[in-house]
Every structure is written in C-alpha cells, then in structure tokens.
Amino acid sequence: SDVSDVSDVSDVSNVTVASVVAVFSILSFLAVISAVSNTAVISIVSAIAIVAIVAVVAVVVIVSVVSVVIFFSFVVIVSVVAAVTAVAVVSAATAAVVIVAADVANAAIGVVIVVVDDVVGFFVAGTKSDMR
C-alpha cells in the first residue's frame, strides 16, 4: 500500500507541475500580447492569469505539504522544492525576455513612426511648395 501511495503522490506532483507550466506559458503569451498592444482588456486577462498562477502554486504547495505530512516522503519534498524553484526561474526568465521584447518592439515602432513622419513631412512639404 505504501508504494501505491507514493505513486499517487508522484502522479499528483506531475499533474500539478504540468498545469503550472501550462499556466506560465499562457501567461507569457498574454504578457507578450499586452506588451505589444497595451489594451485594458488584455491587462485584465493577464491579471486574472497571474491570480490563477498564484492559486495553482498555492494548490501545489498545499497538496505537497499534505502529502508530506501523510507519507513523510523526502522525495516529494525535494521534487516540490525543485518544481517551485524551476517555476520561479522560468517565470523570471520569461519576464526578462518579455521586457526585452517589449523594449525592442517599442524601439522598432518608434523608428517606424519617425521614418513615416519624415517621409510624410517631406512629401507634404513638397506638395505645399508645388502649390505655391
């Protein structure tokens, strides 16, 4: 019975880790979208996603703590700590990438706007001088 209990715990931790990864990938996608187009709706969605992540992590921690209390399994503790650490590292890396991507996108948009402005200004100035 002990062996089956441990396998149940590992199944739970696998599912929870997978769900955390899924939520984080969704959040990073939303973060990229919101960085590209700063709309209130997407900000709300990403805020909801952040809340969802916190909830999932809380569930993971609670489930793992309960399972540790029940089974006193050192392996579970280690795997949970590793999973939480991995999630933290991934989220930090994702945030860094998103911030850099947003900066690059903003810079690119800025360049495009300046170029378009110059070109339009040049043609407008040309047509004005022609009309005179």
Protein backbone atom coordinates (compact mmCIF):
# COMPACT_ATOMS: atom_id res chain seq x y z
CA SER A 1 0.00 0.00 0.00
CA ASP A 2 2.92 2.34 0.73
CA VAL A 3 4.25 2.02 -2.81
CA SER A 4 0.86 2.84 -4.36
CA ASP A 5 0.54 5.86 -2.05
CA VAL A 6 3.91 7.20 -3.21
CA SER A 7 3.00 6.65 -6.87
CA ASP A 8 -0.26 8.58 -6.29
CA VAL A 9 1.78 11.46 -4.88
CA SER A 10 4.14 11.44 -7.86
CA ASP A 11 1.14 11.46 -10.22
CA VAL A 12 -0.29 14.46 -8.38
CA SER A 13 3.02 16.33 -8.46
CA ASN A 14 3.47 15.56 -12.18
CA VAL A 15 -0.01 16.86 -12.96
CA THR A 16 0.46 19.97 -10.82
CA VAL A 17 3.87 20.75 -12.34
CA ALA A 18 2.42 20.28 -15.83
CA SER A 19 -0.50 22.57 -15.03
CA VAL A 20 1.85 25.21 -13.59
CA VAL A 21 3.99 25.08 -16.72
CA ALA A 22 0.86 25.37 -18.90
CA VAL A 23 -0.40 28.37 -16.94
CA PHE A 24 3.00 30.05 -17.14
CA SER A 25 3.23 29.53 -20.89
CA ILE A 26 -0.25 31.03 -21.26
CA LEU A 27 0.77 33.97 -19.07
CA SER A 28 3.95 34.60 -21.02
CA PHE A 29 1.90 34.58 -24.24
CA LEU A 30 -0.52 37.11 -22.70
CA ALA A 31 2.40 39.19 -21.45
CA VAL A 32 3.84 39.36 -24.97
CA ILE A 33 0.45 40.39 -26.38
CA SER A 34 -0.07 43.05 -23.71
CA ALA A 35 3.48 44.34 -24.27
CA VAL A 36 2.77 44.69 -27.99
CA SER A 37 -0.71 46.21 -27.60
CA ASN A 38 -1.33 47.87 -24.25
CA THR A 39 -5.08 47.35 -24.06
CA ALA A 40 -7.00 47.31 -20.80
CA VAL A 41 -8.76 44.05 -21.66
CA ILE A 42 -5.50 42.14 -22.08
CA SER A 43 -4.15 43.70 -18.88
CA ILE A 44 -7.22 42.40 -17.05
CA VAL A 45 -6.78 38.95 -18.62
CA SER A 46 -3.11 38.82 -17.64
CA ALA A 47 -4.01 39.95 -14.12
CA ILE A 48 -6.51 37.08 -13.94
CA ALA A 49 -3.80 34.74 -15.25
CA ILE A 50 -1.41 35.94 -12.52
CA VAL A 51 -4.08 35.22 -9.90
CA ALA A 52 -4.58 31.79 -11.49
CA ILE A 53 -0.84 31.09 -11.27
CA VAL A 54 -0.74 32.08 -7.61
CA ALA A 55 -3.73 29.82 -6.98
CA VAL A 56 -2.11 26.89 -8.81
CA VAL A 57 1.18 27.34 -6.94
CA ALA A 58 -0.74 27.52 -3.66
CA VAL A 59 -2.55 24.28 -4.55
CA VAL A 60 0.76 22.63 -5.44
CA VAL A 61 2.29 23.69 -2.12
CA ILE A 62 -0.79 22.64 -0.12
CA VAL A 63 -1.04 19.26 -1.88
CA SER A 64 2.68 18.62 -1.44
CA VAL A 65 2.64 19.67 2.24
CA VAL A 66 -0.39 17.44 2.91
CA SER A 67 1.23 14.52 1.09
CA VAL A 68 4.48 15.07 3.01
CA VAL A 69 2.56 15.12 6.28
CA ILE A 70 0.72 11.93 5.31
CA PHE A 71 3.60 9.96 3.75
CA PHE A 72 6.71 11.65 5.25
CA SER A 73 8.30 11.33 1.83
CA PHE A 74 11.63 13.13 1.41
CA VAL A 75 11.43 12.63 -2.36
CA VAL A 76 8.16 14.58 -2.51
CA ILE A 77 9.70 17.49 -0.58
CA VAL A 78 12.71 17.58 -2.91
CA SER A 79 10.58 17.34 -6.06
CA VAL A 80 8.24 20.10 -4.87
CA VAL A 81 11.13 22.40 -3.96
CA ALA A 82 12.72 21.67 -7.34
CA ALA A 83 9.42 22.31 -9.15
CA VAL A 84 8.78 25.60 -7.33
CA THR A 85 12.37 26.72 -7.94
CA ALA A 86 12.11 25.80 -11.62
CA VAL A 87 8.84 27.72 -11.92
CA ALA A 88 10.42 30.77 -10.26
CA VAL A 89 13.45 30.62 -12.58
CA VAL A 90 11.28 30.13 -15.68
CA SER A 91 8.95 32.97 -14.72
CA ALA A 92 11.88 35.31 -14.06
CA ALA A 93 13.46 34.36 -17.40
CA THR A 94 10.12 34.76 -19.18
CA ALA A 95 9.61 38.17 -17.59
CA ALA A 96 13.11 39.25 -18.66
CA VAL A 97 12.52 38.06 -22.23
CA VAL A 98 9.13 39.78 -22.38
CA ILE A 99 10.59 43.05 -21.05
CA VAL A 100 13.43 42.94 -23.59
CA ALA A 101 10.99 42.05 -26.39
CA ALA A 102 8.73 44.93 -25.36
CA ASP A 103 11.68 47.35 -25.37
CA VAL A 104 12.76 46.13 -28.80
CA ALA A 105 9.20 46.39 -30.13
CA ASN A 106 8.81 49.90 -28.71
CA ALA A 107 12.12 50.96 -30.23
CA ALA A 108 11.16 49.47 -33.61
CA ILE A 109 7.76 51.16 -33.53
CA GLY A 110 9.47 54.44 -32.58
CA VAL A 111 11.83 54.15 -35.56
CA VAL A 112 8.95 53.35 -37.92
CA ILE A 113 6.94 56.33 -36.64
CA VAL A 114 9.93 58.68 -37.08
CA VAL A 115 10.63 57.40 -40.60
CA VAL A 116 6.98 57.62 -41.64
CA ASP A 117 6.74 61.08 -40.11
CA ASP A 118 9.84 62.23 -42.02
CA VAL A 119 8.62 60.75 -45.31
CA VAL A 120 5.13 62.22 -44.91
CA GLY A 121 6.63 65.55 -43.86
CA PHE A 122 8.90 65.53 -46.92
CA PHE A 123 6.01 64.86 -49.32
CA VAL A 124 3.70 67.35 -47.59
CA ALA A 125 6.42 70.00 -47.77
CA GLY A 126 6.94 69.13 -51.47
CA THR A 127 3.24 69.46 -52.31
CA LYS A 128 3.00 72.76 -50.41
CA SER A 129 5.91 74.23 -52.40
CA ASP A 130 4.35 72.94 -55.64
CA MET A 131 1.05 74.65 -54.82
CA ARG A 132 2.87 77.92 -54.33
